[in-house]
């Protein structure tokens, strides 16, 4: 298969959860992100919009937001199957 069409292994991906304290949807999203990333061995990080003005300005109406490799994957509710597919396709 051509190198252009090879899938990146899940371990080479990065999931970012953008959230804020006291947000129940953020807590729900974190549970899904932790589960999927843990199952697949994908590293993940979380960022707090109250500590980053740029993230706040960009995402404050959409949190929680999940980025995969720096690109927006979803917001508000995180679907486990959809996130898993994005990380394995």
N, C-alpha and C. Protein backbone atom coordinates (compact mmCIF):
# COMPACT_ATOMS: atom_id res chain seq x y z
N UNK A 1 0.85 -1.18 0.00
CA UNK A 1 0.00 0.00 0.00
C UNK A 1 0.89 1.24 0.00
N UNK A 2 0.50 2.23 -0.72
CA UNK A 2 1.24 3.49 -0.79
C UNK A 2 1.31 4.14 0.58
N UNK A 3 2.45 4.78 0.93
CA UNK A 3 2.56 5.45 2.23
C UNK A 3 1.51 6.54 2.41
N UNK A 4 1.01 7.08 1.32
CA UNK A 4 -0.01 8.13 1.43
C UNK A 4 -1.31 7.61 2.01
N UNK A 5 -1.57 6.30 1.84
CA UNK A 5 -2.83 5.74 2.27
C UNK A 5 -2.73 4.91 3.55
N UNK A 6 -1.54 4.85 4.13
CA UNK A 6 -1.39 4.10 5.38
C UNK A 6 -2.04 4.86 6.52
N UNK A 7 -2.73 4.12 7.34
CA UNK A 7 -3.35 4.71 8.53
C UNK A 7 -2.29 4.93 9.60
N UNK A 8 -2.47 5.99 10.34
CA UNK A 8 -1.59 6.23 11.48
C UNK A 8 -2.02 5.32 12.61
N UNK A 9 -1.07 4.69 13.28
CA UNK A 9 -1.46 3.87 14.43
C UNK A 9 -2.09 4.75 15.50
N UNK A 10 -3.05 4.23 16.24
CA UNK A 10 -3.71 5.04 17.27
C UNK A 10 -2.73 5.70 18.24
N UNK A 11 -1.62 5.03 18.53
CA UNK A 11 -0.66 5.58 19.48
C UNK A 11 0.00 6.85 18.97
N UNK A 12 -0.07 7.10 17.67
CA UNK A 12 0.51 8.31 17.07
C UNK A 12 -0.50 9.45 16.98
N UNK A 13 -1.67 9.25 17.51
CA UNK A 13 -2.73 10.27 17.48
C UNK A 13 -2.71 11.04 18.79
N UNK A 14 -3.42 12.15 18.84
CA UNK A 14 -3.57 12.90 20.08
C UNK A 14 -4.99 13.43 20.17
N UNK A 15 -5.63 13.14 21.28
CA UNK A 15 -6.97 13.65 21.55
C UNK A 15 -6.84 14.76 22.59
N UNK A 16 -7.51 15.87 22.33
CA UNK A 16 -7.54 16.99 23.26
C UNK A 16 -8.98 17.25 23.66
N UNK A 17 -9.23 17.28 24.95
CA UNK A 17 -10.54 17.61 25.49
C UNK A 17 -10.46 19.04 26.02
N UNK A 18 -11.26 19.91 25.44
CA UNK A 18 -11.33 21.30 25.89
C UNK A 18 -12.56 21.41 26.76
N UNK A 19 -12.34 21.86 28.00
CA UNK A 19 -13.41 21.83 29.00
C UNK A 19 -13.29 23.00 29.95
N UNK A 20 -14.21 23.05 30.91
CA UNK A 20 -14.10 24.03 31.99
C UNK A 20 -14.57 23.37 33.28
N UNK A 21 -14.13 23.88 34.40
CA UNK A 21 -14.55 23.32 35.69
C UNK A 21 -16.06 23.47 35.91
N UNK A 22 -16.63 22.47 36.57
CA UNK A 22 -18.05 22.52 36.92
C UNK A 22 -19.00 22.22 35.78
N UNK A 23 -18.50 21.73 34.68
CA UNK A 23 -19.33 21.45 33.50
C UNK A 23 -19.66 19.95 33.48
N UNK A 24 -20.94 19.62 33.68
CA UNK A 24 -21.31 18.20 33.72
C UNK A 24 -21.13 17.52 32.36
N UNK A 25 -21.35 18.24 31.26
CA UNK A 25 -21.12 17.64 29.95
C UNK A 25 -19.63 17.36 29.74
N UNK A 26 -18.79 18.22 30.29
CA UNK A 26 -17.34 18.02 30.21
C UNK A 26 -16.94 16.77 30.98
N UNK A 27 -17.54 16.57 32.14
CA UNK A 27 -17.26 15.36 32.93
C UNK A 27 -17.68 14.12 32.16
N UNK A 28 -18.85 14.17 31.53
CA UNK A 28 -19.33 13.04 30.72
C UNK A 28 -18.38 12.77 29.55
N UNK A 29 -17.95 13.85 28.89
CA UNK A 29 -17.04 13.71 27.75
C UNK A 29 -15.72 13.09 28.19
N UNK A 30 -15.23 13.49 29.35
CA UNK A 30 -13.95 12.97 29.83
C UNK A 30 -14.03 11.47 30.07
N UNK A 31 -15.14 10.99 30.57
CA UNK A 31 -15.31 9.55 30.79
C UNK A 31 -15.17 8.80 29.46
N UNK A 32 -15.80 9.32 28.41
CA UNK A 32 -15.73 8.67 27.10
C UNK A 32 -14.31 8.74 26.54
N UNK A 33 -13.68 9.91 26.62
CA UNK A 33 -12.33 10.09 26.10
C UNK A 33 -11.36 9.16 26.83
N UNK A 34 -11.45 9.12 28.15
CA UNK A 34 -10.57 8.24 28.93
C UNK A 34 -10.75 6.78 28.54
N UNK A 35 -11.99 6.35 28.34
CA UNK A 35 -12.27 4.95 27.99
C UNK A 35 -11.71 4.62 26.62
N UNK A 36 -12.07 5.42 25.61
CA UNK A 36 -11.64 5.12 24.24
C UNK A 36 -10.12 5.21 24.12
N UNK A 37 -9.55 6.28 24.63
CA UNK A 37 -8.09 6.44 24.54
C UNK A 37 -7.36 5.36 25.33
N UNK A 38 -7.90 5.00 26.47
CA UNK A 38 -7.30 3.92 27.25
C UNK A 38 -7.35 2.60 26.52
N UNK A 39 -8.49 2.29 25.91
CA UNK A 39 -8.64 1.04 25.16
C UNK A 39 -7.66 0.97 23.99
N UNK A 40 -7.46 2.11 23.32
CA UNK A 40 -6.66 2.13 22.09
C UNK A 40 -5.20 2.53 22.32
N UNK A 41 -4.87 2.94 23.52
CA UNK A 41 -3.51 3.39 23.79
C UNK A 41 -3.19 4.74 23.18
N UNK A 42 -4.21 5.56 23.02
CA UNK A 42 -4.05 6.89 22.43
C UNK A 42 -3.79 7.91 23.54
N UNK A 43 -2.75 8.72 23.39
CA UNK A 43 -2.53 9.77 24.38
C UNK A 43 -3.62 10.84 24.28
N UNK A 44 -3.93 11.42 25.43
CA UNK A 44 -4.92 12.49 25.42
C UNK A 44 -4.53 13.52 26.47
N UNK A 45 -5.06 14.72 26.27
CA UNK A 45 -4.81 15.82 27.18
C UNK A 45 -6.09 16.60 27.36
N UNK A 46 -6.13 17.39 28.41
CA UNK A 46 -7.28 18.28 28.58
C UNK A 46 -6.78 19.70 28.75
N UNK A 47 -7.57 20.62 28.25
CA UNK A 47 -7.26 22.04 28.36
C UNK A 47 -8.48 22.75 28.93
N UNK A 48 -8.22 23.70 29.80
CA UNK A 48 -9.26 24.44 30.50
C UNK A 48 -9.45 25.80 29.82
N UNK A 49 -10.66 26.05 29.32
CA UNK A 49 -10.89 27.33 28.61
C UNK A 49 -10.80 28.53 29.55
N UNK A 50 -10.90 28.31 30.85
CA UNK A 50 -10.79 29.44 31.78
C UNK A 50 -9.33 29.87 31.96
N UNK A 51 -8.40 29.07 31.46
CA UNK A 51 -6.98 29.38 31.59
C UNK A 51 -6.33 29.75 30.26
N UNK A 52 -7.11 29.77 29.19
CA UNK A 52 -6.56 30.06 27.86
C UNK A 52 -7.54 30.95 27.10
N UNK A 53 -7.21 32.21 26.97
CA UNK A 53 -8.12 33.18 26.34
C UNK A 53 -8.47 32.81 24.90
N UNK A 54 -7.49 32.33 24.15
CA UNK A 54 -7.73 31.97 22.75
C UNK A 54 -8.74 30.81 22.65
N UNK A 55 -8.54 29.78 23.46
CA UNK A 55 -9.49 28.66 23.47
C UNK A 55 -10.87 29.13 23.92
N UNK A 56 -10.91 29.99 24.93
CA UNK A 56 -12.18 30.52 25.42
C UNK A 56 -12.92 31.25 24.31
N UNK A 57 -12.22 32.12 23.61
CA UNK A 57 -12.86 32.89 22.54
C UNK A 57 -13.35 32.01 21.40
N UNK A 58 -12.61 30.95 21.12
CA UNK A 58 -12.96 30.07 20.01
C UNK A 58 -14.06 29.07 20.35
N UNK A 59 -14.06 28.55 21.58
CA UNK A 59 -14.93 27.41 21.89
C UNK A 59 -15.95 27.61 23.01
N UNK A 60 -16.04 28.76 23.63
CA UNK A 60 -16.83 28.89 24.85
C UNK A 60 -18.28 28.46 24.69
N UNK A 61 -18.86 28.58 23.51
CA UNK A 61 -20.26 28.17 23.32
C UNK A 61 -20.41 26.69 22.99
N UNK A 62 -19.30 26.01 22.76
CA UNK A 62 -19.38 24.62 22.30
C UNK A 62 -18.88 23.60 23.31
N UNK A 63 -18.31 24.00 24.41
CA UNK A 63 -17.67 23.03 25.29
C UNK A 63 -18.65 22.00 25.83
N UNK A 64 -18.19 20.80 26.05
CA UNK A 64 -16.85 20.33 25.78
C UNK A 64 -16.60 20.15 24.28
N UNK A 65 -15.37 20.34 23.89
CA UNK A 65 -14.94 20.14 22.51
C UNK A 65 -13.85 19.09 22.51
N UNK A 66 -13.92 18.19 21.54
CA UNK A 66 -12.88 17.17 21.40
C UNK A 66 -12.17 17.42 20.08
N UNK A 67 -10.84 17.52 20.16
CA UNK A 67 -10.00 17.64 18.98
C UNK A 67 -9.27 16.32 18.78
N UNK A 68 -9.13 15.91 17.55
CA UNK A 68 -8.30 14.76 17.21
C UNK A 68 -7.20 15.29 16.31
N UNK A 69 -5.97 15.16 16.79
CA UNK A 69 -4.81 15.68 16.07
C UNK A 69 -4.96 17.16 15.74
N UNK A 70 -5.54 17.91 16.67
CA UNK A 70 -5.66 19.35 16.51
C UNK A 70 -6.85 19.83 15.70
N UNK A 71 -7.64 18.90 15.17
CA UNK A 71 -8.81 19.27 14.38
C UNK A 71 -10.07 18.92 15.16
N UNK A 72 -11.06 19.81 15.09
CA UNK A 72 -12.28 19.58 15.85
C UNK A 72 -12.98 18.31 15.38
N UNK A 73 -13.24 17.44 16.34
CA UNK A 73 -13.94 16.18 16.06
C UNK A 73 -15.42 16.31 16.42
N UNK A 74 -15.70 16.86 17.59
CA UNK A 74 -17.08 16.98 18.06
C UNK A 74 -17.17 18.01 19.16
N UNK A 75 -18.40 18.32 19.55
CA UNK A 75 -18.62 19.18 20.70
C UNK A 75 -19.92 18.77 21.39
N UNK A 76 -20.10 19.26 22.60
CA UNK A 76 -21.20 18.98 23.51
C UNK A 76 -21.24 17.53 23.98
N UNK A 77 -21.63 16.62 23.12
CA UNK A 77 -21.73 15.21 23.51
C UNK A 77 -20.75 14.39 22.67
N UNK A 78 -20.03 13.50 23.34
CA UNK A 78 -19.02 12.69 22.67
C UNK A 78 -19.58 11.28 22.49
N UNK A 79 -19.62 10.84 21.26
CA UNK A 79 -20.10 9.50 20.94
C UNK A 79 -18.91 8.54 20.93
N UNK A 80 -18.97 7.54 21.79
CA UNK A 80 -17.85 6.59 21.92
C UNK A 80 -17.51 5.92 20.60
N UNK A 81 -18.49 5.41 19.90
CA UNK A 81 -18.25 4.71 18.64
C UNK A 81 -17.65 5.61 17.58
N UNK A 82 -18.14 6.82 17.51
CA UNK A 82 -17.62 7.77 16.51
C UNK A 82 -16.18 8.16 16.82
N UNK A 83 -15.85 8.38 18.08
CA UNK A 83 -14.48 8.72 18.46
C UNK A 83 -13.55 7.54 18.18
N UNK A 84 -14.00 6.36 18.54
CA UNK A 84 -13.19 5.16 18.29
C UNK A 84 -12.91 5.00 16.80
N UNK A 85 -13.92 5.20 15.98
CA UNK A 85 -13.76 5.08 14.51
C UNK A 85 -12.79 6.12 14.00
N UNK A 86 -12.89 7.36 14.48
CA UNK A 86 -11.98 8.43 14.04
C UNK A 86 -10.52 8.10 14.37
N UNK A 87 -10.32 7.39 15.46
CA UNK A 87 -8.95 7.07 15.88
C UNK A 87 -8.38 5.81 15.24
N UNK A 88 -9.24 5.00 14.65
CA UNK A 88 -8.77 3.74 14.06
C UNK A 88 -8.88 3.71 12.53
N UNK A 89 -9.56 4.66 11.95
CA UNK A 89 -9.66 4.72 10.47
C UNK A 89 -8.51 5.51 9.89
